[in-house]
N, C-alpha and C. Protein backbone atom coordinates (compact mmCIF):
# COMPACT_ATOMS: atom_id res chain seq x y z
N MET A 1 -63.97 109.49 -110.09
CA MET A 1 -64.53 109.70 -111.29
C MET A 1 -63.87 108.59 -112.34
N VAL A 2 -64.50 107.62 -112.93
CA VAL A 2 -63.75 106.59 -114.07
C VAL A 2 -63.69 107.27 -115.14
N PRO A 3 -62.57 107.23 -115.90
CA PRO A 3 -62.27 107.75 -117.14
C PRO A 3 -63.16 107.21 -118.04
N ALA A 4 -64.01 108.00 -119.02
CA ALA A 4 -64.73 107.54 -119.87
C ALA A 4 -63.96 106.39 -120.88
N TYR A 5 -63.02 106.17 -121.15
CA TYR A 5 -62.43 105.32 -122.03
C TYR A 5 -62.37 103.79 -121.36
N PHE A 6 -62.81 103.67 -119.91
CA PHE A 6 -62.83 102.29 -119.05
C PHE A 6 -63.77 101.67 -119.60
N LYS A 7 -65.05 102.63 -119.73
CA LYS A 7 -66.60 102.19 -119.83
C LYS A 7 -66.45 101.64 -121.27
N PRO A 8 -67.62 100.81 -121.28
CA PRO A 8 -68.70 100.72 -120.39
C PRO A 8 -68.29 99.04 -119.62
N TYR A 9 -67.23 98.58 -120.09
CA TYR A 9 -66.90 97.19 -119.24
C TYR A 9 -65.83 97.03 -117.93
N PHE A 10 -65.19 97.90 -118.03
CA PHE A 10 -63.86 98.13 -116.86
C PHE A 10 -64.10 99.20 -116.05
N THR A 11 -63.31 99.22 -115.00
CA THR A 11 -63.03 100.24 -114.05
C THR A 11 -61.54 100.01 -113.61
N PRO A 12 -60.94 101.43 -113.48
CA PRO A 12 -59.16 100.93 -113.32
C PRO A 12 -58.75 100.22 -112.06
N SER A 13 -59.60 100.29 -111.27
CA SER A 13 -58.78 99.23 -110.09
C SER A 13 -58.95 97.92 -110.70
N GLU A 14 -59.53 97.02 -111.77
CA GLU A 14 -59.25 96.01 -112.08
C GLU A 14 -57.58 95.92 -112.82
N PHE A 15 -57.01 96.86 -113.13
CA PHE A 15 -55.74 97.04 -114.03
C PHE A 15 -54.88 97.10 -112.63
N ASP A 16 -54.85 97.70 -111.49
CA ASP A 16 -54.33 98.01 -110.57
C ASP A 16 -52.77 96.73 -110.48
N SER A 17 -51.71 97.69 -109.70
CA SER A 17 -50.74 97.02 -109.56
C SER A 17 -50.83 96.31 -108.07
N PRO A 18 -50.70 95.40 -107.99
CA PRO A 18 -51.13 94.88 -106.30
C PRO A 18 -50.05 95.55 -105.42
N ASP A 19 -49.19 96.49 -105.61
CA ASP A 19 -47.93 97.00 -104.55
C ASP A 19 -48.66 98.62 -104.78
N LEU A 20 -49.75 98.96 -105.57
CA LEU A 20 -50.02 100.39 -105.48
C LEU A 20 -51.58 100.50 -106.02
N PRO A 21 -52.32 100.70 -105.12
CA PRO A 21 -53.73 100.83 -105.40
C PRO A 21 -53.90 102.02 -105.86
N GLY A 22 -54.71 102.34 -106.94
CA GLY A 22 -55.01 103.28 -107.59
C GLY A 22 -54.34 103.49 -109.39
N SER A 23 -53.34 102.48 -109.22
CA SER A 23 -52.37 102.50 -110.45
C SER A 23 -52.96 102.08 -111.60
N GLY A 24 -54.20 101.53 -111.59
CA GLY A 24 -54.79 101.09 -112.99
C GLY A 24 -55.23 101.77 -113.69
N ILE A 25 -55.27 103.58 -113.13
CA ILE A 25 -55.49 104.55 -113.76
C ILE A 25 -54.19 104.64 -114.97
N ARG A 26 -53.00 104.13 -115.00
CA ARG A 26 -52.24 104.33 -115.80
C ARG A 26 -52.33 103.82 -116.90
N MET A 27 -53.26 102.93 -116.95
CA MET A 27 -53.44 102.11 -118.14
C MET A 27 -53.51 103.12 -119.45
N ASN A 28 -53.23 102.81 -120.48
CA ASN A 28 -53.05 103.56 -122.07
C ASN A 28 -54.34 103.68 -122.15
N ALA A 29 -55.08 104.72 -122.90
CA ALA A 29 -56.46 104.91 -123.10
C ALA A 29 -56.93 104.21 -124.25
N MET A 30 -56.36 104.35 -125.31
CA MET A 30 -56.35 103.61 -126.34
C MET A 30 -56.10 101.80 -125.93
N PHE A 31 -55.08 101.23 -125.43
CA PHE A 31 -55.37 100.01 -125.04
C PHE A 31 -56.41 99.38 -124.51
N ILE A 32 -57.17 100.26 -123.49
CA ILE A 32 -58.45 100.27 -122.94
C ILE A 32 -59.56 100.20 -123.71
N SER A 33 -59.28 101.00 -124.78
CA SER A 33 -60.45 101.23 -125.84
C SER A 33 -60.57 100.08 -126.46
N MET A 34 -59.55 99.42 -126.79
CA MET A 34 -59.39 98.42 -127.97
C MET A 34 -59.95 97.18 -126.99
N LEU A 35 -59.53 97.37 -125.68
CA LEU A 35 -59.90 96.02 -124.75
C LEU A 35 -61.73 95.93 -124.69
N ASN A 36 -61.97 97.27 -124.83
CA ASN A 36 -63.69 97.31 -124.95
C ASN A 36 -64.30 96.65 -125.97
N LYS A 37 -63.63 97.01 -127.11
CA LYS A 37 -63.96 96.50 -128.26
C LYS A 37 -63.89 95.13 -128.44
N ALA A 38 -62.80 94.92 -127.96
CA ALA A 38 -62.73 92.90 -127.79
C ALA A 38 -63.70 92.54 -126.85
N ARG A 39 -63.80 93.08 -125.68
CA ARG A 39 -65.29 92.67 -124.78
C ARG A 39 -66.31 92.57 -125.49
N SER A 40 -66.78 93.56 -125.99
CA SER A 40 -68.19 93.66 -126.96
C SER A 40 -68.06 92.41 -128.13
N ILE A 41 -67.22 92.59 -129.13
CA ILE A 41 -67.06 91.41 -129.73
C ILE A 41 -67.26 90.17 -128.89
N ALA A 42 -66.66 89.77 -127.90
CA ALA A 42 -66.92 88.73 -127.43
C ALA A 42 -68.45 88.24 -127.08
N GLY A 43 -68.26 89.28 -126.27
CA GLY A 43 -70.08 88.89 -125.92
C GLY A 43 -69.88 88.36 -124.22
N ILE A 44 -68.75 88.11 -123.61
CA ILE A 44 -68.14 87.52 -122.65
C ILE A 44 -67.55 88.30 -121.59
N PRO A 45 -67.71 88.23 -120.21
CA PRO A 45 -66.68 88.94 -119.52
C PRO A 45 -65.15 88.75 -119.54
N PHE A 46 -64.32 89.84 -119.54
CA PHE A 46 -63.22 89.80 -119.37
C PHE A 46 -62.53 89.73 -117.81
N TYR A 47 -62.14 88.87 -117.75
CA TYR A 47 -61.53 88.73 -116.14
C TYR A 47 -59.90 89.27 -116.09
N ILE A 48 -59.52 90.38 -115.65
CA ILE A 48 -57.74 90.66 -115.68
C ILE A 48 -57.43 90.29 -114.53
N ASN A 49 -56.14 89.25 -114.85
CA ASN A 49 -55.51 88.91 -113.79
C ASN A 49 -54.04 89.88 -113.48
N SER A 50 -53.50 90.51 -114.35
CA SER A 50 -52.79 91.67 -114.42
C SER A 50 -52.95 92.60 -115.56
N GLY A 51 -52.87 94.07 -115.20
CA GLY A 51 -52.53 95.18 -116.03
C GLY A 51 -51.28 96.04 -115.88
N TYR A 52 -51.63 97.13 -115.22
CA TYR A 52 -50.49 98.00 -114.75
C TYR A 52 -49.55 97.28 -113.69
N ARG A 53 -48.36 97.48 -113.91
CA ARG A 53 -47.56 96.78 -112.91
C ARG A 53 -46.45 98.09 -112.53
N THR A 54 -46.06 98.38 -111.30
CA THR A 54 -44.94 99.13 -110.82
C THR A 54 -43.83 98.35 -111.54
N PRO A 55 -42.76 99.13 -111.65
CA PRO A 55 -41.30 98.26 -111.97
C PRO A 55 -41.02 97.04 -111.12
N ALA A 56 -41.35 97.67 -109.62
CA ALA A 56 -40.99 96.90 -108.51
C ALA A 56 -41.71 95.41 -108.74
N HIS A 57 -43.35 95.47 -109.11
CA HIS A 57 -43.79 94.03 -109.05
C HIS A 57 -43.82 93.38 -110.18
N ASN A 58 -43.37 94.46 -111.13
CA ASN A 58 -42.97 93.71 -112.40
C ASN A 58 -41.74 92.39 -112.34
N LYS A 59 -40.57 92.94 -111.47
CA LYS A 59 -39.58 92.40 -111.44
C LYS A 59 -39.78 91.42 -110.43
N LYS A 60 -40.67 91.68 -109.35
CA LYS A 60 -41.00 90.45 -108.54
C LYS A 60 -41.67 89.51 -108.90
N VAL A 61 -42.51 89.69 -110.50
CA VAL A 61 -43.03 88.49 -111.06
C VAL A 61 -42.31 87.53 -111.97
N GLY A 62 -41.19 88.40 -112.11
CA GLY A 62 -40.69 87.83 -113.40
C GLY A 62 -40.70 88.66 -114.86
N GLY A 63 -41.38 89.73 -114.82
CA GLY A 63 -41.13 90.54 -116.12
C GLY A 63 -40.23 90.97 -116.22
N VAL A 64 -40.14 91.38 -117.97
CA VAL A 64 -38.45 91.85 -118.19
C VAL A 64 -38.60 93.41 -117.93
N PRO A 65 -37.76 93.64 -117.65
CA PRO A 65 -37.51 95.57 -117.75
C PRO A 65 -37.92 96.35 -118.63
N GLY A 66 -38.76 97.32 -118.48
CA GLY A 66 -39.70 98.13 -119.59
C GLY A 66 -40.67 97.20 -120.11
N SER A 67 -40.99 96.48 -119.69
CA SER A 67 -42.33 95.54 -119.92
C SER A 67 -43.51 96.34 -120.42
N ALA A 68 -44.46 95.75 -121.25
CA ALA A 68 -45.57 96.72 -121.73
C ALA A 68 -46.29 96.75 -120.46
N HIS A 69 -45.99 96.08 -119.40
CA HIS A 69 -47.58 96.22 -118.25
C HIS A 69 -46.77 97.50 -117.43
N THR A 70 -45.60 97.72 -117.57
CA THR A 70 -45.27 98.80 -116.50
C THR A 70 -45.66 100.36 -117.34
N LYS A 71 -45.94 100.35 -118.90
CA LYS A 71 -46.36 101.48 -119.42
C LYS A 71 -47.88 101.14 -119.81
N GLY A 72 -48.45 100.55 -119.07
CA GLY A 72 -49.78 100.30 -119.34
C GLY A 72 -50.70 99.79 -120.77
N LEU A 73 -49.59 99.23 -121.40
CA LEU A 73 -50.07 98.63 -122.62
C LEU A 73 -50.25 96.91 -122.69
N ALA A 74 -50.50 96.57 -121.42
CA ALA A 74 -50.45 95.15 -121.41
C ALA A 74 -51.58 94.62 -120.34
N ALA A 75 -52.28 93.68 -120.74
CA ALA A 75 -53.11 92.91 -119.61
C ALA A 75 -52.98 91.65 -119.75
N ASP A 76 -53.31 90.67 -118.99
CA ASP A 76 -53.26 89.16 -118.77
C ASP A 76 -54.86 89.17 -118.51
N ILE A 77 -55.54 88.26 -119.40
CA ILE A 77 -56.71 88.09 -119.56
C ILE A 77 -57.02 86.39 -118.60
N ALA A 78 -58.02 86.22 -117.98
CA ALA A 78 -58.44 84.71 -117.25
C ALA A 78 -59.10 84.37 -118.49
N VAL A 79 -58.72 83.27 -119.05
CA VAL A 79 -59.51 82.31 -119.72
C VAL A 79 -59.92 80.65 -119.40
N THR A 80 -60.73 80.22 -119.88
CA THR A 80 -60.96 78.54 -119.62
C THR A 80 -61.10 78.15 -120.73
N PRO A 81 -61.00 76.52 -120.93
CA PRO A 81 -60.96 76.30 -122.06
C PRO A 81 -62.04 76.37 -122.85
N VAL A 82 -63.18 76.83 -122.08
CA VAL A 82 -64.60 77.01 -122.70
C VAL A 82 -64.68 78.58 -123.12
N THR A 83 -63.60 79.58 -122.62
CA THR A 83 -63.68 80.87 -123.12
C THR A 83 -62.66 81.21 -124.09
N TYR A 84 -61.39 80.79 -123.85
CA TYR A 84 -60.20 81.21 -124.54
C TYR A 84 -60.46 81.43 -125.96
N GLY A 85 -61.16 80.70 -127.01
CA GLY A 85 -61.31 81.01 -128.13
C GLY A 85 -62.19 82.12 -128.10
N LYS A 86 -63.31 82.40 -127.67
CA LYS A 86 -63.92 83.60 -127.95
C LYS A 86 -63.45 84.92 -127.31
N VAL A 87 -62.34 84.63 -126.33
CA VAL A 87 -61.67 85.97 -126.29
C VAL A 87 -60.48 86.00 -127.15
N LEU A 88 -60.11 84.91 -127.45
CA LEU A 88 -58.42 85.39 -128.77
C LEU A 88 -59.10 85.90 -129.97
N SER A 89 -60.11 85.28 -130.54
CA SER A 89 -60.81 85.95 -131.46
C SER A 89 -60.96 87.35 -131.51
N ALA A 90 -62.24 87.61 -130.53
CA ALA A 90 -62.16 88.95 -130.11
C ALA A 90 -61.13 89.94 -130.30
N LEU A 91 -59.95 89.34 -129.42
CA LEU A 91 -58.55 90.35 -129.45
C LEU A 91 -58.26 90.95 -130.94
N LEU A 92 -58.23 89.31 -131.60
CA LEU A 92 -57.86 89.66 -133.05
C LEU A 92 -58.53 90.41 -133.77
N LYS A 93 -59.55 90.42 -133.75
CA LYS A 93 -60.65 91.39 -134.40
C LYS A 93 -60.80 92.68 -133.99
N ALA A 94 -60.53 93.22 -132.78
CA ALA A 94 -60.29 94.05 -132.47
C ALA A 94 -58.95 94.70 -132.67
N GLY A 95 -58.03 94.23 -133.25
CA GLY A 95 -56.70 94.90 -133.62
C GLY A 95 -55.60 94.33 -132.90
N PHE A 96 -55.95 93.70 -131.82
CA PHE A 96 -54.65 93.12 -130.95
C PHE A 96 -53.60 92.40 -131.93
N LYS A 97 -52.46 92.86 -131.87
CA LYS A 97 -51.19 92.14 -132.80
C LYS A 97 -50.50 91.52 -131.90
N ARG A 98 -50.63 91.73 -131.00
CA ARG A 98 -49.24 90.99 -129.94
C ARG A 98 -50.17 90.24 -128.58
N ILE A 99 -50.25 89.03 -129.16
CA ILE A 99 -51.05 87.64 -128.05
C ILE A 99 -50.11 86.84 -127.43
N THR A 100 -49.90 86.60 -126.50
CA THR A 100 -48.99 85.62 -125.87
C THR A 100 -49.82 84.86 -125.29
N LEU A 101 -49.57 83.31 -125.34
CA LEU A 101 -50.43 82.58 -125.01
C LEU A 101 -49.62 81.58 -123.84
N THR A 102 -50.38 81.03 -122.99
CA THR A 102 -49.40 80.23 -121.84
C THR A 102 -49.26 79.02 -122.59
N PRO A 103 -48.64 77.88 -121.80
CA PRO A 103 -48.32 76.61 -122.40
C PRO A 103 -49.38 75.89 -122.44
N GLN A 104 -50.28 76.15 -121.35
CA GLN A 104 -51.91 75.43 -121.14
C GLN A 104 -52.56 75.71 -122.28
N GLN A 105 -52.60 77.19 -122.64
CA GLN A 105 -53.71 77.88 -123.55
C GLN A 105 -53.27 76.86 -125.00
N ARG A 106 -52.02 76.96 -125.30
CA ARG A 106 -51.24 76.27 -126.34
C ARG A 106 -51.77 74.85 -126.59
N GLN A 107 -51.66 74.10 -125.56
CA GLN A 107 -52.30 72.78 -125.59
C GLN A 107 -53.58 72.73 -125.69
N ASN A 108 -54.52 73.37 -124.81
CA ASN A 108 -55.86 73.48 -125.28
C ASN A 108 -56.52 73.72 -126.81
N ILE A 109 -55.62 74.98 -127.39
CA ILE A 109 -55.99 75.27 -128.67
C ILE A 109 -55.39 73.76 -129.28
N MET A 110 -54.37 73.31 -129.35
CA MET A 110 -54.16 72.08 -130.05
C MET A 110 -55.32 70.87 -130.02
N LYS A 111 -55.38 70.65 -128.70
CA LYS A 111 -57.00 70.01 -128.69
C LYS A 111 -57.75 70.51 -129.51
N LYS A 112 -58.62 71.63 -129.39
CA LYS A 112 -59.32 72.04 -130.19
C LYS A 112 -59.43 71.88 -131.58
N ILE A 113 -58.30 72.08 -131.84
CA ILE A 113 -57.97 71.82 -133.42
C ILE A 113 -57.76 70.25 -133.88
N ALA A 114 -57.50 69.08 -132.98
CA ALA A 114 -57.82 67.92 -133.09
C ALA A 114 -59.59 67.74 -133.12
N ASP A 115 -60.12 68.41 -132.43
CA ASP A 115 -61.36 68.38 -132.51
C ASP A 115 -62.59 68.98 -133.49
N LYS A 116 -61.49 69.61 -134.51
CA LYS A 116 -62.29 70.14 -135.80
C LYS A 116 -62.66 71.65 -135.68
N LEU A 117 -61.95 72.63 -135.23
CA LEU A 117 -62.51 73.78 -135.09
C LEU A 117 -63.02 74.23 -136.70
N THR A 118 -63.80 75.58 -136.82
CA THR A 118 -64.16 75.76 -138.08
C THR A 118 -62.88 76.50 -138.64
N TYR A 119 -63.09 76.74 -140.05
CA TYR A 119 -61.88 77.07 -140.81
C TYR A 119 -61.34 78.46 -140.33
N GLU A 120 -62.64 79.13 -139.96
CA GLU A 120 -62.10 80.93 -139.39
C GLU A 120 -61.55 80.54 -138.00
N GLU A 121 -61.82 79.75 -137.17
CA GLU A 121 -61.39 79.50 -135.86
C GLU A 121 -59.61 79.11 -136.21
N ILE A 122 -59.47 78.27 -136.88
CA ILE A 122 -58.05 78.20 -137.37
C ILE A 122 -57.06 79.16 -137.58
N VAL A 123 -57.70 79.80 -138.75
CA VAL A 123 -56.64 80.89 -139.44
C VAL A 123 -56.56 82.15 -138.28
N LEU A 124 -57.66 82.16 -137.38
CA LEU A 124 -57.33 83.36 -136.30
C LEU A 124 -56.67 82.75 -135.35
N LEU A 125 -56.63 81.51 -134.67
CA LEU A 125 -55.60 80.87 -133.88
C LEU A 125 -53.91 81.03 -134.46
N HIS A 126 -54.24 80.53 -135.76
CA HIS A 126 -52.71 80.08 -136.63
C HIS A 126 -52.00 81.95 -136.31
N LYS A 127 -53.01 82.86 -136.58
CA LYS A 127 -52.44 84.09 -136.50
C LYS A 127 -51.99 84.68 -135.23
N ALA A 128 -52.25 83.74 -133.95
CA ALA A 128 -52.15 84.14 -132.87
C ALA A 128 -50.78 83.69 -132.40
N MET A 129 -50.62 82.27 -133.00
CA MET A 129 -49.20 81.64 -132.59
C MET A 129 -47.91 82.12 -132.56
N ASN A 130 -47.15 81.99 -131.31
CA ASN A 130 -46.11 82.37 -131.30
C ASN A 130 -44.99 81.51 -131.07
N ASN A 131 -45.59 80.41 -131.06
CA ASN A 131 -44.75 79.04 -131.27
C ASN A 131 -44.60 78.43 -132.28
N PRO A 132 -43.40 78.41 -133.13
CA PRO A 132 -43.46 78.24 -134.51
C PRO A 132 -43.96 76.30 -134.79
N ILE A 133 -43.61 75.48 -133.56
CA ILE A 133 -44.27 74.10 -133.56
C ILE A 133 -45.59 74.25 -133.85
N ILE A 134 -46.50 75.09 -132.93
CA ILE A 134 -48.02 74.64 -132.70
C ILE A 134 -48.13 75.26 -134.12
N LYS A 135 -47.69 76.78 -134.77
CA LYS A 135 -47.72 76.86 -136.10
C LYS A 135 -48.13 76.22 -137.01
N ASN A 136 -47.25 75.35 -136.87
CA ASN A 136 -46.94 74.13 -138.10
C ASN A 136 -47.94 73.19 -137.89
N MET A 137 -48.30 72.75 -136.86
CA MET A 137 -49.20 71.83 -136.85
C MET A 137 -50.34 72.51 -137.05
N ALA A 138 -51.00 73.77 -136.77
CA ALA A 138 -52.04 74.25 -137.19
C ALA A 138 -52.16 74.66 -138.15
N ILE A 139 -51.18 74.52 -139.20
CA ILE A 139 -50.85 74.86 -140.81
C ILE A 139 -51.31 73.05 -141.29
N LYS A 140 -50.98 72.38 -140.41
CA LYS A 140 -51.41 71.24 -141.36
C LYS A 140 -52.90 70.77 -141.23
N GLU A 141 -52.97 70.92 -139.93
CA GLU A 141 -54.53 70.76 -139.83
C GLU A 141 -55.52 71.75 -140.52
N LEU A 142 -55.01 72.83 -140.86
CA LEU A 142 -55.88 73.68 -141.99
C LEU A 142 -55.56 72.80 -143.26
N LYS A 143 -54.65 72.58 -143.80
CA LYS A 143 -54.64 71.92 -145.07
C LYS A 143 -55.10 70.80 -145.41
N LYS A 144 -55.15 69.95 -144.45
CA LYS A 144 -56.05 68.80 -144.08
C LYS A 144 -57.89 69.12 -144.55
N ARG A 145 -58.01 70.34 -144.01
CA ARG A 145 -59.47 70.86 -143.97
C ARG A 145 -59.55 71.68 -145.76
N LEU A 146 -58.84 71.85 -146.36
CA LEU A 146 -58.85 72.63 -147.63
C LEU A 146 -59.14 71.44 -148.55
């Protein structure tokens, strides 16, 4: 039986570590509840690339010891250039504070900023930036708009 906190959008198996079938059940209930809230806000499916990781799998993929993945407190969500803005915005609105972007996602964001995102999108993206150079570029673009 699927625990209620996975519903309505997810199943535990989506979060399984590849080396331990059934391990997705180890995901933190509050984390999954927040992810469901973000999914509802986004209005589009979230595709999970990685959820719970055993320490062995975490090491295999280059994760840091004690990674949030090994505690059921992290998930990698697949996005496309079309969906990443909605996903990122929804995660922030759902209350996620720690969001890491891949270099490709950062490039896509900068292309969108150059294409004149809305003020709200720039503010949300700026909050998510963990790279000071990109953050400063977003601030410069924002100042141009004001």
